[in-house]
C-alpha cells in the first residue's frame, strides 16, 4: 500500500447467534481480505452480557481489531456491512440491541469526527461500553479516547469502579 495514505481504524466485533466465536473468527479472516486494508492487532474474544435489547438472549462474544486501511470511512463502513450481510445478518428484521449473527462497528477512523447519515465516528457510545473498551485495552491500552481524553486503560478502570457492566 505504499504511496497511499493509511488510516488507523478500530472495529468492534460482536456475535451471539450460531457459534459466536466461530463467527468472529470468520469475520477476522474476511477483514484480513479487505482491499487496501491489513489487520494490525486483534484482541481475544470476550464473553459478555447483552446490553439492552430483549431479555433472555444468549451471551455475546466481543472483540476489537485495529486496521491500517486506505479505504475511506464510508467505503470501510460499506465493507463492514457487506461482511455482516454475507454472514446472514438482516438489519431490517432485527430488534434494536437484539441477538445477531455478526455486528461490526466502525468505532474510530483515525482522528476523524464524522456525523453523517448512517455514519458516526467515533462511535457515539464506545467510551461507555466495557464490551468495546476491555478488548481494546488488550491491544491499545494507552490510546487516548477522543471524548473523555483518558487512556483506554484509565477509562476501563473508571467504568469498572462505577460498576458499569455495559
Protein backbone atom coordinates (compact mmCIF):
# COMPACT_ATOMS: atom_id res chain seq x y z
CA UNK A 1 0.00 0.00 0.00
CA UNK A 2 2.94 2.32 -0.47
CA UNK A 3 2.08 5.77 -1.77
CA UNK A 4 -1.43 5.54 -0.34
CA UNK A 5 -2.30 7.25 2.91
CA UNK A 6 -3.34 4.73 5.53
CA UNK A 7 -5.59 5.44 8.46
CA UNK A 8 -5.73 3.51 11.73
CA UNK A 9 -9.29 2.26 12.12
CA UNK A 10 -10.75 0.42 15.09
CA UNK A 11 -13.56 -2.05 14.51
CA UNK A 12 -15.61 -3.73 17.25
CA UNK A 13 -16.90 -7.24 16.52
CA UNK A 14 -19.77 -9.00 18.23
CA UNK A 15 -21.94 -12.10 17.85
CA UNK A 16 -24.41 -14.04 19.96
CA UNK A 17 -26.08 -16.37 17.46
CA UNK A 18 -24.84 -19.64 15.98
CA UNK A 19 -21.30 -20.29 17.17
CA UNK A 20 -20.24 -16.75 18.14
CA UNK A 21 -16.51 -17.46 18.42
CA UNK A 22 -16.52 -19.16 15.00
CA UNK A 23 -18.49 -16.24 13.53
CA UNK A 24 -15.89 -13.79 14.85
CA UNK A 25 -13.03 -15.97 13.58
CA UNK A 26 -14.63 -16.00 10.11
CA UNK A 27 -15.15 -12.23 10.24
CA UNK A 28 -11.49 -11.74 11.15
CA UNK A 29 -10.42 -13.75 8.09
CA UNK A 30 -12.71 -11.61 5.94
CA UNK A 31 -11.34 -8.38 7.45
CA UNK A 32 -7.84 -9.58 6.53
CA UNK A 33 -9.02 -9.88 2.92
CA UNK A 34 -10.47 -6.37 2.58
CA UNK A 35 -8.90 -4.35 -0.23
CA UNK A 36 -6.16 -1.86 0.73
CA UNK A 37 -6.51 -2.94 4.36
CA UNK A 38 -4.46 -5.00 6.78
CA UNK A 39 -5.12 -6.17 10.32
CA UNK A 40 -2.53 -4.73 12.71
CA UNK A 41 -3.81 -6.11 16.01
CA UNK A 42 -6.71 -8.07 17.41
CA UNK A 43 -8.00 -8.76 20.88
CA UNK A 44 -9.12 -12.07 22.24
CA UNK A 45 -12.84 -12.82 22.18
CA UNK A 46 -14.63 -11.85 25.39
CA UNK A 47 -17.88 -13.37 26.69
CA UNK A 48 -20.20 -10.52 27.66
CA UNK A 49 -23.75 -10.00 28.81
CA UNK A 50 -26.10 -8.42 26.26
CA UNK A 51 -26.65 -4.68 26.77
CA UNK A 52 -30.24 -3.57 26.25
CA UNK A 53 -32.47 -5.45 23.87
CA UNK A 54 -34.84 -8.30 24.68
CA UNK A 55 -34.41 -10.36 27.83
CA UNK A 56 -33.11 -13.90 27.64
CA UNK A 57 -30.82 -13.56 24.67
CA UNK A 58 -27.54 -15.52 24.64
CA UNK A 59 -24.21 -14.15 25.82
CA UNK A 60 -22.17 -12.24 23.27
CA UNK A 61 -18.62 -12.75 22.16
CA UNK A 62 -16.96 -9.41 21.55
CA UNK A 63 -13.58 -8.28 20.37
CA UNK A 64 -11.75 -5.46 18.66
CA UNK A 65 -9.37 -5.20 15.71
CA UNK A 66 -7.19 -2.35 14.60
CA UNK A 67 -6.75 -1.98 10.86
CA UNK A 68 -4.45 0.04 8.66
CA UNK A 69 -6.63 0.99 5.73
CA UNK A 70 -6.52 3.17 2.66
CA UNK A 71 -10.30 2.86 2.33
CA UNK A 72 -12.30 5.96 3.17
CA UNK A 73 -14.57 5.83 6.22
CA UNK A 74 -17.72 5.40 4.12
CA UNK A 75 -16.02 2.70 1.99
CA UNK A 76 -14.86 0.83 5.08
CA UNK A 77 -18.32 1.01 6.64
CA UNK A 78 -19.83 -0.36 3.42
CA UNK A 79 -17.37 -3.27 3.52
CA UNK A 80 -18.21 -3.99 7.17
CA UNK A 81 -21.92 -4.01 6.39
CA UNK A 82 -21.32 -6.29 3.39
CA UNK A 83 -19.49 -8.74 5.67
CA UNK A 84 -22.43 -8.66 8.09
CA UNK A 85 -24.86 -9.41 5.23
CA UNK A 86 -22.61 -12.18 3.92
CA UNK A 87 -22.73 -13.76 7.40
CA UNK A 88 -26.53 -13.72 7.28
CA UNK A 89 -27.37 -10.54 9.14
CA UNK A 90 -30.57 -8.82 8.00
CA UNK A 91 -30.68 -5.48 9.82
CA UNK A 92 -34.21 -4.68 8.62
CA UNK A 93 -35.61 -7.68 10.54
CA UNK A 94 -33.74 -7.13 13.81
CA UNK A 95 -34.89 -5.89 17.16
CA UNK A 96 -32.84 -2.97 18.49
CA UNK A 97 -29.93 -4.40 20.55
CA UNK A 98 -31.30 -7.85 19.84
CA UNK A 99 -29.42 -11.03 19.04
CA UNK A 100 -27.32 -11.03 15.88
CA UNK A 101 -25.08 -13.34 13.94
CA UNK A 102 -22.47 -10.62 13.38
CA UNK A 103 -22.08 -7.00 14.37
CA UNK A 104 -19.18 -4.95 13.01
CA UNK A 105 -18.98 -1.37 14.24
CA UNK A 106 -16.55 1.25 13.00
CA UNK A 107 -15.51 2.70 16.35
CA UNK A 108 -12.63 5.01 15.37
CA UNK A 109 -11.33 6.10 11.99
CA UNK A 110 -8.05 7.87 12.60
CA UNK A 111 -8.73 11.20 14.29
CA UNK A 112 -11.85 11.76 12.18
CA UNK A 113 -15.03 13.13 13.64
CA UNK A 114 -17.88 12.37 11.28
CA UNK A 115 -21.59 12.76 11.85
CA UNK A 116 -23.36 11.93 8.62
CA UNK A 117 -26.49 9.93 7.88
CA UNK A 118 -25.59 6.32 8.63
CA UNK A 119 -22.01 7.11 9.74
CA UNK A 120 -20.96 8.49 13.11
CA UNK A 121 -17.29 8.28 14.10
CA UNK A 122 -16.14 8.00 16.81
CA UNK A 123 -18.93 5.58 17.65
CA UNK A 124 -21.23 7.59 19.96
CA UNK A 125 -21.35 5.04 22.80
CA UNK A 126 -17.96 3.32 22.54
CA UNK A 127 -16.43 5.14 25.52
CA UNK A 128 -19.27 3.91 27.75
CA UNK A 129 -19.10 0.26 26.75
CA UNK A 130 -16.82 -2.17 28.52
CA UNK A 131 -17.51 -4.78 25.84
CA UNK A 132 -15.62 -2.48 23.44
CA UNK A 133 -13.07 -0.98 25.82
CA UNK A 134 -11.91 -4.15 27.60
CA UNK A 135 -10.86 -5.85 24.35
CA UNK A 136 -9.36 -2.57 23.12
CA UNK A 137 -7.32 -2.36 26.33
CA UNK A 138 -5.60 -5.61 25.31
CA UNK A 139 -4.19 -4.11 22.12
CA UNK A 140 -4.09 -0.34 22.74
CA UNK A 141 -4.21 0.36 26.50
CA UNK A 142 -2.59 3.80 26.25
CA UNK A 143 -4.68 5.03 23.31
CA UNK A 144 -6.35 8.32 24.22
CA UNK A 145 -10.09 8.32 23.82
CA UNK A 146 -11.30 11.42 21.99
CA UNK A 147 -14.37 12.10 24.13
CA UNK A 148 -13.09 11.77 27.70
CA UNK A 149 -9.38 12.29 26.86
CA UNK A 150 -8.43 9.35 29.07
CA UNK A 151 -6.45 6.31 28.02
CA UNK A 152 -8.40 3.15 27.30
CA UNK A 153 -6.87 1.60 30.43
CA UNK A 154 -7.95 4.57 32.60
CA UNK A 155 -11.48 4.55 31.17
CA UNK A 156 -11.88 0.81 31.78
CA UNK A 157 -10.74 1.26 35.37
CA UNK A 158 -13.18 4.18 35.81
CA UNK A 159 -16.16 2.27 34.36
CA UNK A 160 -15.41 -0.81 36.47
CA UNK A 161 -15.21 1.34 39.62
CA UNK A 162 -18.63 2.78 38.75
CA UNK A 163 -20.00 -0.77 38.46
CA UNK A 164 -20.70 -0.35 34.76
CA UNK A 165 -21.46 -3.64 33.12
CA UNK A 166 -22.13 -2.27 29.66
